[in-house]
C-alpha cells in the first residue's frame, strides 16, 4: 500500500497522531493551571493516603469532596493527610 505525501514530501498527520498530541497538550495545560492556581504537588506537601492521628483530608478546610483539594494537585483520599492540613477551627 502506498503512502501519500504532501507537496513538500512530508507525510500528512493522521487523526490518531493529532488526537494524541492534543491530549498531551491538555494534560500539560491542566498541570500549569493547577500551578498557576497556587496548588502544590503531593510530594511538596508530604501527602500520604492515611490519616495523621485525628487529622485527615475530609475534615481539612481546603478539601473539596469527593477527592480534590484547593491546595494540592491531583485526587486525594478522604482519609489522607499532608503538612498543609488546616482544621476547620484554624481558619
N, C-alpha and C. Protein backbone atom coordinates (compact mmCIF):
# COMPACT_ATOMS: atom_id res chain seq x y z
N UNK A 1 0.84 -1.17 0.00
CA UNK A 1 0.00 0.00 0.00
C UNK A 1 0.89 1.24 0.00
N UNK A 2 0.65 2.16 -0.87
CA UNK A 2 1.46 3.36 -1.00
C UNK A 2 0.98 4.41 0.00
N UNK A 3 1.92 5.17 0.52
CA UNK A 3 1.54 6.26 1.43
C UNK A 3 1.63 7.57 0.67
N UNK A 4 0.70 8.46 0.98
CA UNK A 4 0.70 9.74 0.30
C UNK A 4 1.62 10.71 1.01
N UNK A 5 2.07 11.70 0.27
CA UNK A 5 2.91 12.73 0.85
C UNK A 5 2.37 14.09 0.43
N UNK A 6 2.78 15.12 1.13
CA UNK A 6 2.39 16.47 0.78
C UNK A 6 3.33 16.99 -0.30
N UNK A 7 3.04 18.14 -0.92
CA UNK A 7 3.94 18.68 -1.94
C UNK A 7 5.37 18.89 -1.44
N UNK A 8 5.56 19.05 -0.15
CA UNK A 8 6.92 19.23 0.39
C UNK A 8 7.60 17.89 0.66
N UNK A 9 6.88 16.79 0.44
CA UNK A 9 7.45 15.47 0.65
C UNK A 9 7.19 14.91 2.04
N UNK A 10 6.55 15.67 2.91
CA UNK A 10 6.25 15.20 4.27
C UNK A 10 4.98 14.36 4.26
N UNK A 11 4.92 13.40 5.16
CA UNK A 11 3.70 12.59 5.29
C UNK A 11 2.68 13.39 6.08
N UNK A 12 1.40 13.36 5.69
CA UNK A 12 0.37 14.07 6.44
C UNK A 12 0.16 13.41 7.81
N UNK A 13 -0.26 14.21 8.78
CA UNK A 13 -0.51 13.67 10.11
C UNK A 13 -1.82 12.89 10.12
N UNK A 14 -1.81 11.79 10.84
CA UNK A 14 -3.04 11.01 10.97
C UNK A 14 -3.92 11.61 12.05
N UNK A 15 -5.18 11.29 12.02
CA UNK A 15 -6.12 11.76 13.04
C UNK A 15 -5.67 11.26 14.42
N UNK A 16 -5.19 10.03 14.47
CA UNK A 16 -4.74 9.45 15.74
C UNK A 16 -3.57 10.25 16.32
N UNK A 17 -2.61 10.60 15.48
CA UNK A 17 -1.46 11.37 15.93
C UNK A 17 -1.90 12.73 16.46
N UNK A 18 -2.82 13.37 15.76
CA UNK A 18 -3.31 14.67 16.19
C UNK A 18 -4.05 14.57 17.53
N UNK A 19 -4.88 13.53 17.72
CA UNK A 19 -5.61 13.35 18.97
C UNK A 19 -4.66 13.10 20.15
N UNK A 20 -3.65 12.30 19.92
CA UNK A 20 -2.67 12.02 20.97
C UNK A 20 -1.94 13.31 21.35
N UNK A 21 -1.54 14.08 20.36
CA UNK A 21 -0.85 15.35 20.62
C UNK A 21 -1.76 16.31 21.38
N UNK A 22 -3.02 16.38 20.98
CA UNK A 22 -3.97 17.29 21.65
C UNK A 22 -4.17 16.87 23.11
N UNK A 23 -4.27 15.57 23.35
CA UNK A 23 -4.46 15.09 24.73
C UNK A 23 -3.24 15.42 25.58
N UNK A 24 -2.05 15.29 25.01
CA UNK A 24 -0.82 15.62 25.74
C UNK A 24 -0.78 17.09 26.11
N UNK A 25 -1.17 17.94 25.20
CA UNK A 25 -1.21 19.38 25.47
C UNK A 25 -2.23 19.69 26.56
N UNK A 26 -3.38 19.02 26.53
CA UNK A 26 -4.42 19.25 27.53
C UNK A 26 -3.94 18.87 28.92
N UNK A 27 -3.25 17.74 29.03
CA UNK A 27 -2.74 17.30 30.33
C UNK A 27 -1.68 18.27 30.83
N UNK A 28 -0.77 18.67 29.96
CA UNK A 28 0.26 19.63 30.36
C UNK A 28 -0.38 20.95 30.77
N UNK A 29 -1.40 21.35 30.07
CA UNK A 29 -2.10 22.59 30.39
C UNK A 29 -2.79 22.52 31.74
N UNK A 30 -3.34 21.36 32.07
CA UNK A 30 -4.02 21.21 33.36
C UNK A 30 -3.03 21.35 34.51
N UNK A 31 -1.82 20.82 34.34
CA UNK A 31 -0.80 20.97 35.37
C UNK A 31 -0.42 22.44 35.55
N UNK A 32 -0.31 23.15 34.45
CA UNK A 32 0.03 24.58 34.52
C UNK A 32 -1.07 25.37 35.21
N UNK A 33 -2.33 25.02 34.94
CA UNK A 33 -3.45 25.70 35.59
C UNK A 33 -3.39 25.48 37.09
N UNK A 34 -3.10 24.25 37.50
CA UNK A 34 -3.02 23.95 38.93
C UNK A 34 -1.89 24.74 39.58
N UNK A 35 -0.75 24.81 38.92
CA UNK A 35 0.38 25.56 39.47
C UNK A 35 0.03 27.04 39.51
N UNK A 36 -0.60 27.53 38.45
CA UNK A 36 -1.00 28.94 38.41
C UNK A 36 -2.01 29.25 39.51
N UNK A 37 -2.82 28.29 39.86
CA UNK A 37 -3.84 28.49 40.89
C UNK A 37 -3.23 28.40 42.29
N UNK A 38 -1.93 28.15 42.39
CA UNK A 38 -1.27 28.09 43.68
C UNK A 38 -1.27 26.73 44.31
N UNK A 39 -1.62 25.70 43.56
CA UNK A 39 -1.60 24.35 44.12
C UNK A 39 -0.18 23.83 44.16
N UNK A 40 0.09 22.97 45.13
CA UNK A 40 1.41 22.35 45.26
C UNK A 40 1.30 20.85 44.96
N UNK A 41 2.42 20.26 44.58
CA UNK A 41 2.41 18.83 44.28
C UNK A 41 2.25 18.04 45.57
N UNK A 42 1.81 16.79 45.44
CA UNK A 42 1.64 15.92 46.61
C UNK A 42 2.98 15.68 47.29
N UNK A 43 4.06 15.58 46.51
CA UNK A 43 5.39 15.38 47.09
C UNK A 43 5.81 16.59 47.93
N UNK A 44 5.52 17.79 47.43
CA UNK A 44 5.88 19.02 48.14
C UNK A 44 5.26 19.12 49.53
N UNK A 45 4.05 18.64 49.65
CA UNK A 45 3.32 18.75 50.92
C UNK A 45 3.36 17.47 51.74
N UNK A 46 4.18 16.52 51.32
CA UNK A 46 4.32 15.24 52.02
C UNK A 46 2.98 14.53 52.18
N UNK A 47 2.18 14.52 51.10
CA UNK A 47 0.86 13.87 51.14
C UNK A 47 1.01 12.38 51.40
N UNK A 48 0.11 11.86 52.22
CA UNK A 48 0.01 10.41 52.46
C UNK A 48 -1.46 10.03 52.40
N UNK A 49 -1.76 8.80 52.00
CA UNK A 49 -3.16 8.40 51.82
C UNK A 49 -3.81 7.84 53.08
N UNK A 50 -3.21 8.12 54.22
CA UNK A 50 -3.79 7.70 55.50
C UNK A 50 -3.71 8.88 56.49
N UNK A 51 -4.54 8.86 57.55
CA UNK A 51 -4.59 9.99 58.48
C UNK A 51 -3.31 10.15 59.30
N UNK A 52 -3.18 11.32 59.88
CA UNK A 52 -2.09 11.65 60.81
C UNK A 52 -2.78 11.90 62.15
N UNK A 53 -2.93 10.85 62.93
CA UNK A 53 -3.72 10.97 64.16
C UNK A 53 -5.17 11.21 63.78
N UNK A 54 -5.76 12.24 64.35
CA UNK A 54 -7.15 12.58 64.03
C UNK A 54 -7.25 13.48 62.79
N UNK A 55 -6.12 13.99 62.32
CA UNK A 55 -6.13 14.87 61.16
C UNK A 55 -6.25 14.06 59.86
N UNK A 56 -7.20 14.47 59.02
CA UNK A 56 -7.40 13.80 57.73
C UNK A 56 -8.06 14.78 56.77
N UNK A 57 -7.92 14.52 55.49
CA UNK A 57 -8.41 15.43 54.45
C UNK A 57 -9.88 15.78 54.59
N UNK A 58 -10.73 14.82 54.89
CA UNK A 58 -12.16 15.09 54.90
C UNK A 58 -12.60 16.13 55.93
N UNK A 59 -11.76 16.43 56.93
CA UNK A 59 -12.10 17.50 57.88
C UNK A 59 -11.21 18.73 57.70
N UNK A 60 -10.39 18.71 56.67
CA UNK A 60 -9.50 19.84 56.36
C UNK A 60 -10.29 20.90 55.59
N UNK A 61 -10.10 22.16 55.93
CA UNK A 61 -10.86 23.25 55.32
C UNK A 61 -10.75 23.31 53.78
N UNK A 62 -9.57 23.11 53.18
CA UNK A 62 -9.49 23.19 51.72
C UNK A 62 -10.00 21.95 50.96
N UNK A 63 -10.44 20.91 51.65
CA UNK A 63 -10.90 19.68 50.99
C UNK A 63 -12.19 19.94 50.23
N UNK A 64 -12.23 19.42 48.99
CA UNK A 64 -13.40 19.52 48.13
C UNK A 64 -13.89 18.11 47.79
N UNK A 65 -14.97 17.66 48.41
CA UNK A 65 -15.47 16.31 48.12
C UNK A 65 -15.77 16.14 46.64
N UNK A 66 -15.58 14.97 46.07
CA UNK A 66 -15.24 13.75 46.78
C UNK A 66 -13.74 13.52 46.95
N UNK A 67 -12.87 14.13 46.11
CA UNK A 67 -11.45 13.78 46.19
C UNK A 67 -10.49 14.88 45.73
N UNK A 68 -10.84 16.14 45.94
CA UNK A 68 -9.98 17.23 45.50
C UNK A 68 -9.61 18.14 46.68
N UNK A 69 -8.58 18.94 46.45
CA UNK A 69 -8.12 19.88 47.46
C UNK A 69 -7.80 21.21 46.79
N UNK A 70 -8.12 22.30 47.45
CA UNK A 70 -7.83 23.62 46.89
C UNK A 70 -6.33 23.91 46.87
N UNK A 71 -5.54 23.18 47.66
CA UNK A 71 -4.11 23.48 47.80
C UNK A 71 -3.18 22.45 47.20
N UNK A 72 -3.69 21.24 46.91
CA UNK A 72 -2.84 20.14 46.45
C UNK A 72 -3.32 19.63 45.09
N UNK A 73 -2.37 19.38 44.19
CA UNK A 73 -2.68 18.87 42.85
C UNK A 73 -3.10 17.41 42.91
N UNK A 74 -4.08 17.06 42.10
CA UNK A 74 -4.47 15.66 41.94
C UNK A 74 -5.52 15.21 42.94
N UNK A 75 -6.02 14.01 42.73
CA UNK A 75 -7.01 13.48 43.67
C UNK A 75 -6.36 13.14 45.01
N UNK A 76 -7.11 13.32 46.07
CA UNK A 76 -6.64 12.99 47.42
C UNK A 76 -7.68 12.11 48.10
N UNK A 77 -7.22 11.30 49.00
CA UNK A 77 -8.12 10.41 49.75
C UNK A 77 -8.78 11.17 50.89
N UNK A 78 -10.05 10.87 51.15
CA UNK A 78 -10.72 11.48 52.30
C UNK A 78 -9.95 11.19 53.58
N UNK A 79 -9.33 10.03 53.64
CA UNK A 79 -8.58 9.61 54.82
C UNK A 79 -7.10 10.02 54.75
N UNK A 80 -6.71 10.78 53.73
CA UNK A 80 -5.33 11.21 53.57
C UNK A 80 -4.96 12.36 54.49
N UNK A 81 -3.71 12.79 54.40
CA UNK A 81 -3.21 13.90 55.21
C UNK A 81 -1.98 14.50 54.52
N UNK A 82 -1.73 15.77 54.74
CA UNK A 82 -0.49 16.40 54.28
C UNK A 82 -0.11 17.50 55.25
N UNK A 83 1.09 18.05 55.08
CA UNK A 83 1.59 19.03 56.05
C UNK A 83 0.91 20.40 55.96
N UNK A 84 0.03 20.62 54.98
CA UNK A 84 -0.71 21.89 54.94
C UNK A 84 -2.12 21.72 55.52
N UNK A 85 -2.31 20.67 56.30
CA UNK A 85 -3.61 20.43 56.94
C UNK A 85 -4.05 21.68 57.69
N UNK A 86 -5.30 22.05 57.44
CA UNK A 86 -5.90 23.20 58.11
C UNK A 86 -7.25 22.76 58.66
N UNK A 87 -7.31 22.56 59.94
CA UNK A 87 -8.56 22.16 60.56
C UNK A 87 -9.60 23.26 60.46
N UNK A 88 -10.86 22.90 60.53
CA UNK A 88 -11.93 23.89 60.41
C UNK A 88 -11.82 25.03 61.42
N UNK A 89 -11.26 24.75 62.59
CA UNK A 89 -11.13 25.78 63.62
C UNK A 89 -9.87 26.63 63.47
N UNK A 90 -9.03 26.32 62.47
CA UNK A 90 -7.78 27.05 62.26
C UNK A 90 -7.90 28.16 61.23
N UNK A 91 -9.10 28.41 60.71
CA UNK A 91 -9.28 29.43 59.67
C UNK A 91 -9.32 30.79 60.22
